[in-house]
Amino acid sequence: MKIGQLEGTQEEIKGFFEDHGLKVSDYFQPIETSLHYFWIVLPGILLVIFLGGLSLLDSASESHKKFIYILGCLSSIWMATTIQLKFKNAWATAFVAATLIILTSVAYGVITPKEVIDEVKTLKNKE
């Protein structure tokens, strides 16, 4: 292995740094693997399927709807997690997670769209 003017095995180069009181991690960073957009799109597609199922399956039993609701919440969390890993932005992650959980709750019927709007107005007026 050759790095610049240093040549030797990995152990020799690591030993060279340690012998001179240096930390290898100060000079070399591990290569970050980029998260492919597929991992953001996949939970999005699943979420659309689950939201469509909640909205369109009126004849389904309550236990089936609850199961679809839980799957929708899990894919919302999955999407928020992949967004955090991809973009490393806590505000975007929190916004996406809250929006998707609210959207899933509206589709399931936990809250109505009017209640969401009223709550947003209440929070806005507190500022």
C-alpha atoms as a PDB file:
ATOM      1  CA  MET A   1       0.000   0.000   0.000  1.00  0.00           C
ATOM      2  CA  LYS A   2       1.368   3.395  -0.935  1.00  0.00           C
ATOM      3  CA  ILE A   3       0.084   6.707   0.381  1.00  0.00           C
ATOM      4  CA  GLY A   4       2.019   9.681  -0.910  1.00  0.00           C
ATOM      5  CA  GLN A   5       5.641   8.986   0.038  1.00  0.00           C
ATOM      6  CA  LEU A   6       4.649   6.336   2.604  1.00  0.00           C
ATOM      7  CA  GLU A   7       4.834   2.775   1.420  1.00  0.00           C
ATOM      8  CA  GLY A   8       4.155  -0.349   3.428  1.00  0.00           C
ATOM      9  CA  THR A   9       1.458  -2.581   4.781  1.00  0.00           C
ATOM     10  CA  GLN A  10      -1.548  -1.194   6.567  1.00  0.00           C
ATOM     11  CA  GLU A  11      -0.074  -2.175   9.928  1.00  0.00           C
ATOM     12  CA  GLU A  12       3.272  -0.495   9.120  1.00  0.00           C
ATOM     13  CA  ILE A  13       1.613   2.769   8.139  1.00  0.00           C
ATOM     14  CA  LYS A  14      -0.608   2.672  11.234  1.00  0.00           C
ATOM     15  CA  GLY A  15       2.475   1.929  13.360  1.00  0.00           C
ATOM     16  CA  PHE A  16       4.324   4.856  11.771  1.00  0.00           C
ATOM     17  CA  PHE A  17       1.537   7.236  12.732  1.00  0.00           C
ATOM     18  CA  GLU A  18       1.282   5.864  16.272  1.00  0.00           C
ATOM     19  CA  ASP A  19       5.088   5.965  16.766  1.00  0.00           C
ATOM     20  CA  HIS A  20       5.087   9.666  15.918  1.00  0.00           C
ATOM     21  CA  GLY A  21       2.127  10.460  18.202  1.00  0.00           C
ATOM     22  CA  LEU A  22      -0.316  11.011  15.352  1.00  0.00           C
ATOM     23  CA  LYS A  23      -3.815   9.732  14.883  1.00  0.00           C
ATOM     24  CA  VAL A  24      -4.600   8.071  11.583  1.00  0.00           C
ATOM     25  CA  SER A  25      -8.200   9.303  11.813  1.00  0.00           C
ATOM     26  CA  ASP A  26      -6.980  12.919  11.708  1.00  0.00           C
ATOM     27  CA  TYR A  27      -5.564  12.362   8.243  1.00  0.00           C
ATOM     28  CA  PHE A  28      -7.843   9.804   6.652  1.00  0.00           C
ATOM     29  CA  GLN A  29     -11.617   9.781   6.662  1.00  0.00           C
ATOM     30  CA  PRO A  30     -13.638   6.669   5.879  1.00  0.00           C
ATOM     31  CA  ILE A  31     -15.477   6.987   2.610  1.00  0.00           C
ATOM     32  CA  GLU A  32     -19.144   7.657   3.262  1.00  0.00           C
ATOM     33  CA  THR A  33     -21.413   5.551   1.162  1.00  0.00           C
ATOM     34  CA  SER A  34     -24.176   7.537  -0.407  1.00  0.00           C
ATOM     35  CA  LEU A  35     -27.714   6.410   0.281  1.00  0.00           C
ATOM     36  CA  HIS A  36     -29.430   5.742  -3.018  1.00  0.00           C
ATOM     37  CA  TYR A  37     -32.703   7.565  -3.714  1.00  0.00           C
ATOM     38  CA  PHE A  38     -34.380   4.169  -4.062  1.00  0.00           C
ATOM     39  CA  TRP A  39     -34.438   3.974  -0.262  1.00  0.00           C
ATOM     40  CA  ILE A  40     -36.459   7.196  -0.117  1.00  0.00           C
ATOM     41  CA  VAL A  41     -38.748   6.315  -3.009  1.00  0.00           C
ATOM     42  CA  LEU A  42     -39.590   2.800  -1.769  1.00  0.00           C
ATOM     43  CA  PRO A  43     -41.203   3.873   1.545  1.00  0.00           C
ATOM     44  CA  GLY A  44     -42.943   6.674  -0.374  1.00  0.00           C
ATOM     45  CA  ILE A  45     -44.509   4.190  -2.769  1.00  0.00           C
ATOM     46  CA  LEU A  46     -45.511   1.950   0.116  1.00  0.00           C
ATOM     47  CA  LEU A  47     -47.000   4.929   1.941  1.00  0.00           C
ATOM     48  CA  VAL A  48     -49.086   5.888  -1.103  1.00  0.00           C
ATOM     49  CA  ILE A  49     -50.357   2.298  -1.297  1.00  0.00           C
ATOM     50  CA  PHE A  50     -51.228   2.272   2.416  1.00  0.00           C
ATOM     51  CA  LEU A  51     -52.911   5.691   2.284  1.00  0.00           C
ATOM     52  CA  GLY A  52     -54.885   4.601  -0.763  1.00  0.00           C
ATOM     53  CA  GLY A  53     -55.865   1.430   1.060  1.00  0.00           C
ATOM     54  CA  LEU A  54     -57.056   3.388   4.077  1.00  0.00           C
ATOM     55  CA  SER A  55     -59.003   5.831   1.937  1.00  0.00           C
ATOM     56  CA  LEU A  56     -60.553   3.395  -0.514  1.00  0.00           C
ATOM     57  CA  LEU A  57     -61.189   0.239   1.527  1.00  0.00           C
ATOM     58  CA  ASP A  58     -64.399   1.166   3.300  1.00  0.00           C
ATOM     59  CA  SER A  59     -65.551  -2.447   3.414  1.00  0.00           C
ATOM     60  CA  ALA A  60     -62.427  -3.664   5.240  1.00  0.00           C
ATOM     61  CA  SER A  61     -62.748  -4.680   8.865  1.00  0.00           C
ATOM     62  CA  GLU A  62     -61.523  -2.373  11.609  1.00  0.00           C
ATOM     63  CA  SER A  63     -58.606  -4.694  12.416  1.00  0.00           C
ATOM     64  CA  HIS A  64     -57.458  -4.627   8.774  1.00  0.00           C
ATOM     65  CA  LYS A  65     -57.660  -0.834   8.705  1.00  0.00           C
ATOM     66  CA  LYS A  66     -55.702  -0.610  11.954  1.00  0.00           C
ATOM     67  CA  PHE A  67     -53.031  -2.913  10.508  1.00  0.00           C
ATOM     68  CA  ILE A  68     -52.770  -0.766   7.358  1.00  0.00           C
ATOM     69  CA  TYR A  69     -52.602   2.351   9.568  1.00  0.00           C
ATOM     70  CA  ILE A  70     -49.694   0.888  11.553  1.00  0.00           C
ATOM     71  CA  LEU A  71     -47.904  -0.069   8.320  1.00  0.00           C
ATOM     72  CA  GLY A  72     -48.452   3.483   7.041  1.00  0.00           C
ATOM     73  CA  CYS A  73     -46.972   4.944  10.233  1.00  0.00           C
ATOM     74  CA  LEU A  74     -43.991   2.594   9.988  1.00  0.00           C
ATOM     75  CA  SER A  75     -43.320   3.552   6.374  1.00  0.00           C
ATOM     76  CA  SER A  76     -43.589   7.233   7.397  1.00  0.00           C
ATOM     77  CA  ILE A  77     -40.924   6.656  10.028  1.00  0.00           C
ATOM     78  CA  TRP A  78     -38.841   4.695   7.522  1.00  0.00           C
ATOM     79  CA  MET A  79     -39.038   7.556   5.032  1.00  0.00           C
ATOM     80  CA  ALA A  80     -38.114  10.137   7.676  1.00  0.00           C
ATOM     81  CA  THR A  81     -35.167   7.987   8.769  1.00  0.00           C
ATOM     82  CA  THR A  82     -33.826   7.649   5.229  1.00  0.00           C
ATOM     83  CA  ILE A  83     -34.223  11.393   4.694  1.00  0.00           C
ATOM     84  CA  GLN A  84     -32.173  12.002   7.852  1.00  0.00           C
ATOM     85  CA  LEU A  85     -29.489   9.582   6.696  1.00  0.00           C
ATOM     86  CA  LYS A  86     -29.381  11.090   3.191  1.00  0.00           C
ATOM     87  CA  PHE A  87     -29.550  14.817   3.956  1.00  0.00           C
ATOM     88  CA  LYS A  88     -28.528  15.006   7.655  1.00  0.00           C
ATOM     89  CA  ASN A  89     -31.042  17.775   8.374  1.00  0.00           C
ATOM     90  CA  ALA A  90     -33.059  17.413  11.572  1.00  0.00           C
ATOM     91  CA  TRP A  91     -35.603  20.087  10.620  1.00  0.00           C
ATOM     92  CA  ALA A  92     -36.448  18.390   7.331  1.00  0.00           C
ATOM     93  CA  THR A  93     -36.685  15.030   9.056  1.00  0.00           C
ATOM     94  CA  ALA A  94     -39.010  16.335  11.780  1.00  0.00           C
ATOM     95  CA  PHE A  95     -41.199  18.135   9.238  1.00  0.00           C
ATOM     96  CA  VAL A  96     -41.495  15.077   6.989  1.00  0.00           C
ATOM     97  CA  ALA A  97     -42.175  12.728   9.916  1.00  0.00           C
ATOM     98  CA  ALA A  98     -44.864  14.970  11.436  1.00  0.00           C
ATOM     99  CA  THR A  99     -46.530  15.629   8.074  1.00  0.00           C
ATOM    100  CA  LEU A 100     -46.642  11.975   7.093  1.00  0.00           C
ATOM    101  CA  ILE A 101     -47.938  10.811  10.472  1.00  0.00           C
ATOM    102  CA  ILE A 102     -50.668  13.484  10.349  1.00  0.00           C
ATOM    103  CA  LEU A 103     -51.527  12.495   6.769  1.00  0.00           C
ATOM    104  CA  THR A 104     -51.761   8.832   7.752  1.00  0.00           C
ATOM    105  CA  SER A 105     -53.907   9.717  10.777  1.00  0.00           C
ATOM    106  CA  VAL A 106     -56.280  11.730   8.591  1.00  0.00           C
ATOM    107  CA  ALA A 107     -56.562   8.831   6.140  1.00  0.00           C
ATOM    108  CA  TYR A 108     -57.356   6.440   8.996  1.00  0.00           C
ATOM    109  CA  GLY A 109     -59.889   8.829  10.514  1.00  0.00           C
ATOM    110  CA  VAL A 110     -58.132   9.513  13.802  1.00  0.00           C
ATOM    111  CA  ILE A 111     -58.423  13.222  13.102  1.00  0.00           C
ATOM    112  CA  THR A 112     -60.297  15.190  10.467  1.00  0.00           C
ATOM    113  CA  PRO A 113     -58.718  17.655   8.031  1.00  0.00           C
ATOM    114  CA  LYS A 114     -60.682  20.476   9.725  1.00  0.00           C
ATOM    115  CA  GLU A 115     -59.159  19.573  13.107  1.00  0.00           C
ATOM    116  CA  VAL A 116     -55.675  19.664  11.561  1.00  0.00           C
ATOM    117  CA  ILE A 117     -56.293  23.127  10.102  1.00  0.00           C
ATOM    118  CA  ASP A 118     -57.739  24.401  13.396  1.00  0.00           C
ATOM    119  CA  GLU A 119     -54.731  23.060  15.309  1.00  0.00           C
ATOM    120  CA  VAL A 120     -52.299  24.701  12.873  1.00  0.00           C
ATOM    121  CA  LYS A 121     -54.136  28.016  13.279  1.00  0.00           C
ATOM    122  CA  THR A 122     -53.995  27.656  17.066  1.00  0.00           C
ATOM    123  CA  LEU A 123     -50.245  26.980  16.958  1.00  0.00           C
ATOM    124  CA  LYS A 124     -49.702  29.904  14.579  1.00  0.00           C
ATOM    125  CA  ASN A 125     -51.604  32.304  16.856  1.00  0.00           C
ATOM    126  CA  LYS A 126     -49.466  31.293  19.847  1.00  0.00           C
ATOM    127  CA  GLU A 127     -46.389  32.672  18.111  1.00  0.00           C
END
